Amino acid sequence: MPAQSGKGGKGIMVKFLIGVLVGILIFFFFVYFGGGKALKKVGYGLTDTGKKMEVMEEMIKKKKGEVEKEVEKEVKKRVLKEDKDTTKKTGAPR
């Protein structure tokens, strides 16, 4: 005995077939009305966007490296200054 018998099973099958037919029609309309050209234009646009993003990525990486170096220098200066201040306060020779 099938899991879905009667009118319910037929309704699902009809909906499925209608969906397949609609999908095929959409595909043919897409091809007929120049969908390939549209996809090509979108592809070129995405390629340009990708190139721009690569340039921005390189700029960000470069800036990140510069900022990290500056922060590292500042931290070292502060640590050395605090170390000198601590040494002066305690009077302990180094």
N, C-alpha and C. Protein backbone atom coordinates (compact mmCIF):
# COMPACT_ATOMS: atom_id res chain seq x y z
N MET A 1 0.85 -1.18 0.00
CA MET A 1 0.00 0.00 0.00
C MET A 1 0.89 1.24 0.00
N PRO A 2 0.74 2.15 -0.95
CA PRO A 2 1.58 3.36 -1.02
C PRO A 2 1.36 4.26 0.19
N ALA A 3 2.41 5.04 0.47
CA ALA A 3 2.34 5.93 1.62
C ALA A 3 1.25 6.98 1.45
N GLN A 4 1.11 7.49 0.23
CA GLN A 4 0.06 8.48 -0.03
C GLN A 4 -0.79 7.97 -1.18
N SER A 5 -1.94 7.54 -0.87
CA SER A 5 -2.82 7.04 -1.92
C SER A 5 -3.99 8.00 -2.09
N GLY A 6 -4.63 7.90 -3.21
CA GLY A 6 -5.82 8.71 -3.43
C GLY A 6 -5.48 10.06 -4.03
N LYS A 7 -6.35 11.03 -3.77
CA LYS A 7 -6.23 12.34 -4.39
C LYS A 7 -5.00 13.11 -3.89
N GLY A 8 -4.60 12.91 -2.63
CA GLY A 8 -3.46 13.64 -2.08
C GLY A 8 -2.17 13.37 -2.83
N GLY A 9 -1.93 12.11 -3.20
CA GLY A 9 -0.73 11.75 -3.95
C GLY A 9 -0.72 12.36 -5.34
N LYS A 10 -1.88 12.37 -5.99
CA LYS A 10 -1.98 12.94 -7.33
C LYS A 10 -1.73 14.44 -7.30
N GLY A 11 -2.21 15.09 -6.25
CA GLY A 11 -2.04 16.54 -6.14
C GLY A 11 -0.57 16.93 -6.02
N ILE A 12 0.18 16.15 -5.27
CA ILE A 12 1.60 16.42 -5.11
C ILE A 12 2.33 16.18 -6.42
N MET A 13 1.95 15.13 -7.14
CA MET A 13 2.58 14.82 -8.40
C MET A 13 2.28 15.90 -9.45
N VAL A 14 1.06 16.39 -9.47
CA VAL A 14 0.68 17.43 -10.42
C VAL A 14 1.47 18.71 -10.11
N LYS A 15 1.58 19.06 -8.84
CA LYS A 15 2.34 20.25 -8.46
C LYS A 15 3.80 20.12 -8.89
N PHE A 16 4.37 18.93 -8.70
CA PHE A 16 5.74 18.69 -9.09
C PHE A 16 5.93 18.86 -10.59
N LEU A 17 5.03 18.27 -11.38
CA LEU A 17 5.12 18.37 -12.84
C LEU A 17 4.94 19.81 -13.31
N ILE A 18 4.04 20.54 -12.69
CA ILE A 18 3.85 21.95 -13.04
C ILE A 18 5.13 22.73 -12.72
N GLY A 19 5.75 22.42 -11.59
CA GLY A 19 7.00 23.08 -11.23
C GLY A 19 8.11 22.80 -12.22
N VAL A 20 8.20 21.56 -12.68
CA VAL A 20 9.21 21.20 -13.69
C VAL A 20 8.95 21.95 -14.98
N LEU A 21 7.68 21.99 -15.43
CA LEU A 21 7.35 22.71 -16.66
C LEU A 21 7.64 24.20 -16.55
N VAL A 22 7.31 24.79 -15.43
CA VAL A 22 7.59 26.22 -15.23
C VAL A 22 9.09 26.46 -15.26
N GLY A 23 9.87 25.57 -14.64
CA GLY A 23 11.33 25.71 -14.66
C GLY A 23 11.90 25.64 -16.05
N ILE A 24 11.38 24.72 -16.86
CA ILE A 24 11.83 24.59 -18.25
C ILE A 24 11.46 25.84 -19.04
N LEU A 25 10.24 26.35 -18.86
CA LEU A 25 9.83 27.57 -19.56
C LEU A 25 10.71 28.76 -19.17
N ILE A 26 10.99 28.90 -17.90
CA ILE A 26 11.86 30.00 -17.45
C ILE A 26 13.23 29.88 -18.10
N PHE A 27 13.77 28.67 -18.15
CA PHE A 27 15.08 28.46 -18.77
C PHE A 27 15.06 28.87 -20.24
N PHE A 28 14.05 28.44 -20.99
CA PHE A 28 13.98 28.78 -22.41
C PHE A 28 13.78 30.28 -22.63
N PHE A 29 12.95 30.92 -21.81
CA PHE A 29 12.79 32.38 -21.93
C PHE A 29 14.09 33.09 -21.62
N PHE A 30 14.80 32.60 -20.64
CA PHE A 30 16.09 33.18 -20.28
C PHE A 30 17.05 33.13 -21.47
N VAL A 31 17.15 31.97 -22.10
CA VAL A 31 18.03 31.81 -23.25
C VAL A 31 17.53 32.64 -24.43
N TYR A 32 16.23 32.62 -24.69
CA TYR A 32 15.66 33.32 -25.84
C TYR A 32 15.86 34.83 -25.75
N PHE A 33 15.69 35.39 -24.56
CA PHE A 33 15.78 36.84 -24.42
C PHE A 33 17.19 37.33 -24.09
N GLY A 34 18.20 36.55 -24.35
CA GLY A 34 19.58 37.00 -24.20
C GLY A 34 20.13 36.91 -22.80
N GLY A 35 19.80 35.88 -22.10
CA GLY A 35 20.30 35.70 -20.74
C GLY A 35 21.80 35.53 -20.69
N GLY A 36 22.38 34.95 -21.74
CA GLY A 36 23.83 34.78 -21.79
C GLY A 36 24.56 36.11 -21.76
N LYS A 37 24.03 37.08 -22.50
CA LYS A 37 24.66 38.42 -22.52
C LYS A 37 24.56 39.06 -21.14
N ALA A 38 23.42 38.90 -20.52
CA ALA A 38 23.24 39.48 -19.18
C ALA A 38 24.22 38.85 -18.20
N LEU A 39 24.37 37.54 -18.27
CA LEU A 39 25.31 36.87 -17.38
C LEU A 39 26.74 37.32 -17.64
N LYS A 40 27.07 37.55 -18.91
CA LYS A 40 28.41 38.00 -19.26
C LYS A 40 28.68 39.38 -18.65
N LYS A 41 27.69 40.27 -18.74
CA LYS A 41 27.83 41.61 -18.16
C LYS A 41 28.01 41.53 -16.65
N VAL A 42 27.21 40.69 -16.01
CA VAL A 42 27.32 40.52 -14.56
C VAL A 42 28.70 39.96 -14.21
N GLY A 43 29.18 39.02 -15.02
CA GLY A 43 30.50 38.43 -14.78
C GLY A 43 31.60 39.47 -14.87
N TYR A 44 31.54 40.34 -15.89
CA TYR A 44 32.55 41.39 -16.01
C TYR A 44 32.48 42.35 -14.82
N GLY A 45 31.27 42.67 -14.41
CA GLY A 45 31.10 43.56 -13.25
C GLY A 45 31.69 42.95 -12.00
N LEU A 46 31.46 41.67 -11.81
CA LEU A 46 32.01 40.99 -10.63
C LEU A 46 33.52 40.91 -10.69
N THR A 47 34.08 40.75 -11.89
CA THR A 47 35.53 40.72 -12.04
C THR A 47 36.13 42.06 -11.64
N ASP A 48 35.52 43.15 -12.11
CA ASP A 48 36.00 44.49 -11.74
C ASP A 48 35.90 44.70 -10.23
N THR A 49 34.80 44.29 -9.67
CA THR A 49 34.62 44.43 -8.22
C THR A 49 35.68 43.63 -7.47
N GLY A 50 35.96 42.43 -7.96
CA GLY A 50 36.98 41.59 -7.33
C GLY A 50 38.35 42.24 -7.37
N LYS A 51 38.70 42.87 -8.49
CA LYS A 51 39.99 43.55 -8.61
C LYS A 51 40.07 44.73 -7.64
N LYS A 52 38.99 45.48 -7.53
CA LYS A 52 38.97 46.61 -6.60
C LYS A 52 39.12 46.13 -5.16
N MET A 53 38.46 45.02 -4.85
CA MET A 53 38.55 44.48 -3.49
C MET A 53 39.97 44.00 -3.18
N GLU A 54 40.66 43.44 -4.16
CA GLU A 54 42.04 43.00 -3.95
C GLU A 54 42.93 44.19 -3.63
N VAL A 55 42.74 45.30 -4.35
CA VAL A 55 43.53 46.50 -4.10
C VAL A 55 43.25 47.02 -2.68
N MET A 56 41.98 47.06 -2.31
CA MET A 56 41.63 47.53 -0.97
C MET A 56 42.22 46.61 0.10
N GLU A 57 42.20 45.31 -0.16
CA GLU A 57 42.74 44.33 0.78
C GLU A 57 44.23 44.57 1.01
N GLU A 58 44.98 44.82 -0.08
CA GLU A 58 46.41 45.09 0.04
C GLU A 58 46.66 46.38 0.84
N MET A 59 45.85 47.40 0.59
CA MET A 59 46.00 48.66 1.33
C MET A 59 45.75 48.43 2.81
N ILE A 60 44.73 47.67 3.14
CA ILE A 60 44.39 47.40 4.54
C ILE A 60 45.51 46.62 5.21
N LYS A 61 46.04 45.61 4.52
CA LYS A 61 47.13 44.83 5.10
C LYS A 61 48.36 45.71 5.35
N LYS A 62 48.65 46.59 4.42
CA LYS A 62 49.81 47.48 4.55
C LYS A 62 49.61 48.41 5.76
N LYS A 63 48.44 49.01 5.84
CA LYS A 63 48.14 49.91 6.95
C LYS A 63 48.18 49.18 8.28
N LYS A 64 47.66 47.96 8.28
CA LYS A 64 47.64 47.15 9.51
C LYS A 64 49.06 46.94 10.01
N GLY A 65 49.97 46.61 9.09
CA GLY A 65 51.37 46.41 9.47
C GLY A 65 51.99 47.67 10.04
N GLU A 66 51.70 48.81 9.42
CA GLU A 66 52.24 50.08 9.90
C GLU A 66 51.70 50.40 11.30
N VAL A 67 50.42 50.22 11.49
CA VAL A 67 49.80 50.52 12.79
C VAL A 67 50.36 49.59 13.87
N GLU A 68 50.53 48.31 13.54
CA GLU A 68 51.08 47.37 14.51
C GLU A 68 52.48 47.80 14.95
N LYS A 69 53.31 48.25 13.99
CA LYS A 69 54.67 48.69 14.33
C LYS A 69 54.63 49.92 15.23
N GLU A 70 53.74 50.87 14.91
CA GLU A 70 53.63 52.08 15.73
C GLU A 70 53.17 51.75 17.15
N VAL A 71 52.19 50.88 17.25
CA VAL A 71 51.69 50.50 18.58
C VAL A 71 52.79 49.79 19.36
N GLU A 72 53.52 48.93 18.70
CA GLU A 72 54.60 48.21 19.36
C GLU A 72 55.66 49.18 19.89
N LYS A 73 56.01 50.20 19.09
CA LYS A 73 56.98 51.20 19.53
C LYS A 73 56.47 51.95 20.76
N GLU A 74 55.20 52.35 20.72
CA GLU A 74 54.62 53.10 21.84
C GLU A 74 54.59 52.26 23.11
N VAL A 75 54.25 51.00 22.97
CA VAL A 75 54.21 50.12 24.14
C VAL A 75 55.60 49.96 24.73
N LYS A 76 56.59 49.77 23.87
CA LYS A 76 57.98 49.64 24.36
C LYS A 76 58.42 50.91 25.07
N LYS A 77 58.08 52.08 24.51
CA LYS A 77 58.46 53.35 25.15
C LYS A 77 57.84 53.45 26.53
N ARG A 78 56.56 53.12 26.64
CA ARG A 78 55.87 53.21 27.92
C ARG A 78 56.43 52.22 28.93
N VAL A 79 56.73 51.02 28.48
CA VAL A 79 57.28 50.02 29.39
C VAL A 79 58.64 50.47 29.90
N LEU A 80 59.47 50.97 28.99
CA LEU A 80 60.80 51.44 29.40
C LEU A 80 60.68 52.62 30.35
N LYS A 81 59.76 53.54 30.06
CA LYS A 81 59.57 54.71 30.92
C LYS A 81 59.11 54.27 32.31
N GLU A 82 58.15 53.34 32.37
CA GLU A 82 57.67 52.85 33.66
C GLU A 82 58.78 52.11 34.40
N ASP A 83 59.60 51.38 33.64
CA ASP A 83 60.71 50.65 34.26
C ASP A 83 61.72 51.63 34.86
N LYS A 84 62.00 52.73 34.15
CA LYS A 84 62.93 53.75 34.65
C LYS A 84 62.36 54.42 35.89
N ASP A 85 61.05 54.74 35.84
CA ASP A 85 60.42 55.38 36.98
C ASP A 85 60.45 54.47 38.20
N THR A 86 60.21 53.21 38.00
CA THR A 86 60.24 52.24 39.10
C THR A 86 61.64 52.12 39.67
N THR A 87 62.64 52.11 38.80
CA THR A 87 64.04 52.01 39.24
C THR A 87 64.42 53.23 40.04
N LYS A 88 63.99 54.43 39.62
CA LYS A 88 64.31 55.66 40.35
C LYS A 88 63.65 55.65 41.72
N LYS A 89 62.39 55.19 41.79
CA LYS A 89 61.67 55.20 43.05
C LYS A 89 62.28 54.23 44.08
N THR A 90 62.68 53.07 43.62
CA THR A 90 63.23 52.08 44.54
C THR A 90 64.70 52.34 44.83
N GLY A 91 65.37 53.02 43.92
CA GLY A 91 66.77 53.31 44.11
C GLY A 91 67.68 52.11 43.89
N ALA A 92 67.14 51.09 43.33
CA ALA A 92 67.93 49.89 43.07
C ALA A 92 68.73 50.07 41.79
N PRO A 93 70.02 49.75 41.87
CA PRO A 93 70.84 49.89 40.67
C PRO A 93 70.52 48.77 39.66
N ARG A 94 70.72 49.08 38.46
CA ARG A 94 70.50 48.08 37.40
C ARG A 94 71.77 47.46 37.00
